[in-house]
Protein backbone atom coordinates (compact mmCIF):
# COMPACT_ATOMS: atom_id res chain seq x y z
CA MET A 1 129.19 12.37 130.57
CA VAL A 2 131.74 10.29 132.84
CA THR A 3 130.41 10.46 137.04
CA ARG A 4 134.13 11.36 139.22
CA LYS A 5 133.19 8.22 140.34
CA LYS A 6 134.21 6.32 137.16
CA ALA A 7 137.05 8.99 136.50
CA GLU A 8 138.82 7.44 139.94
CA SER A 9 137.50 3.79 138.99
CA ILE A 10 139.43 4.09 135.23
CA GLU A 11 142.07 6.33 136.89
CA ASP A 12 142.79 3.85 139.42
CA ASP A 13 142.66 0.88 137.17
CA PHE A 14 145.11 2.08 134.59
CA MET A 15 147.94 2.62 137.55
CA GLU A 16 147.79 -0.81 139.05
CA GLU A 17 148.34 -1.88 135.55
CA VAL A 18 151.69 0.55 134.37
CA LYS A 19 152.83 -0.54 138.20
CA LYS A 20 151.90 -3.86 137.09
CA SER A 21 153.60 -3.70 133.52
CA LEU A 22 156.65 -1.66 135.15
CA ASP A 23 156.60 -4.75 137.66
CA ASP A 24 156.93 -7.40 135.28
CA ALA A 25 159.49 -5.33 133.04
CA GLU A 26 161.79 -4.93 136.89
CA ARG A 27 161.87 -8.85 136.83
CA LEU A 28 162.28 -9.32 133.54
CA MET A 29 165.27 -6.96 133.55
CA ARG A 30 166.80 -8.84 136.36
CA GLU A 31 165.68 -12.31 136.17
CA ALA A 32 167.57 -11.44 131.98
CA ALA A 33 170.99 -9.92 134.39
CA GLU A 34 170.74 -13.15 136.74
CA SER A 35 170.85 -15.12 132.93
CA THR A 36 173.08 -15.78 130.28
CA GLY A 37 172.96 -16.49 126.63
CA ASP A 38 169.91 -17.44 124.73
CA LYS A 39 167.98 -17.25 127.49
CA ALA A 40 168.99 -13.48 128.96
CA THR A 41 168.42 -11.87 125.75
CA GLU A 42 164.75 -14.19 125.48
CA MET A 43 163.90 -11.63 128.47
CA ARG A 44 165.42 -8.42 127.98
CA GLU A 45 163.04 -8.55 124.83
CA ALA A 46 159.90 -9.51 126.70
CA ALA A 47 161.45 -6.33 129.42
CA MET A 48 161.54 -4.18 126.03
CA ARG A 49 158.17 -4.95 125.39
CA SER A 50 156.26 -4.24 128.82
CA LEU A 51 157.85 -1.17 128.47
CA ARG A 52 156.79 -0.55 124.50
CA GLN A 53 153.24 -1.32 125.51
CA THR A 54 153.50 1.23 128.45
CA ARG A 55 155.07 3.18 127.00
CA GLU A 56 151.57 3.95 124.45
CA ARG A 57 149.69 3.02 127.52
CA LEU A 58 150.77 6.67 128.68
CA HIS A 59 150.26 8.35 124.94
CA ASP A 60 146.91 7.15 125.00
CA THR A 61 146.38 8.13 128.37
CA GLN A 62 147.58 11.47 128.07
CA GLU A 63 145.57 11.96 124.05
CA ALA A 64 142.63 11.42 126.31
CA ILE A 65 143.78 12.93 128.38
CA VAL A 66 143.71 15.96 126.41
CA GLU A 67 141.04 15.38 124.06
CA LYS A 68 138.63 16.07 128.03
CA GLY A 69 140.70 19.02 128.43
CA ARG A 70 139.30 20.46 124.54
CA GLU A 71 136.01 19.00 125.73
CA ALA A 72 135.98 20.34 128.52
CA ALA A 73 136.69 24.13 127.41
CA LYS A 74 134.20 23.95 124.24
CA ALA A 75 131.73 23.25 127.16
CA THR A 76 132.59 26.28 129.27
CA ASP A 77 132.92 27.85 126.30
CA HIS A 78 129.66 27.30 125.18
CA TYR A 79 127.69 28.25 128.87
CA VAL A 80 129.92 31.60 128.99
CA HIS A 81 128.19 32.36 125.84
CA ASP A 82 124.52 31.72 126.24
CA ASN A 83 124.67 32.56 130.42
CA PRO A 84 127.42 35.49 130.20
CA TRP A 85 124.99 37.57 133.15
CA GLN A 86 125.29 34.07 135.01
CA ALA A 87 129.57 33.53 134.54
CA ILE A 88 130.00 37.12 134.94
CA GLY A 89 128.00 36.58 138.73
CA VAL A 90 130.12 33.57 138.75
CA ALA A 91 133.66 34.45 138.86
CA GLY A 92 132.86 38.17 141.02
CA ILE A 93 131.73 35.81 143.63
CA VAL A 94 134.65 33.45 143.01
CA GLY A 95 137.28 36.56 142.82
CA LEU A 96 135.58 37.64 145.63
CA LEU A 97 135.82 34.63 147.70
CA PHE A 98 139.19 34.71 147.20
CA GLY A 99 140.46 38.37 147.61
CA MET A 100 138.95 37.15 150.68
CA LEU A 101 141.35 33.77 151.65
CA VAL A 102 144.20 35.33 150.47
CA SER A 103 143.82 39.16 152.37
CA ARG A 104 143.38 37.15 155.73
CA LYS A 105 145.91 37.14 158.09
């Protein structure tokens, strides 16, 4: 099971990786704009590769997040089926607290 700290660390690492990749692509595109001929073509291709890799990482991360969401939903479903009265009690308390917060002026 992933702890909150570990999840935040993974998220921070991922965001840092995406930022670095986008910065590299931006730098390569700037250099390609300043260059001509084969060097410019090579730099544009490198920038496009970097952007493709970033897109793939984002897609992989999206799939992982969706899968974790499904696992959480299944775990919640199993818990509610195994402990219906506790689930009803928790839902009632949450509803009561929410109602109290909403009705405050």
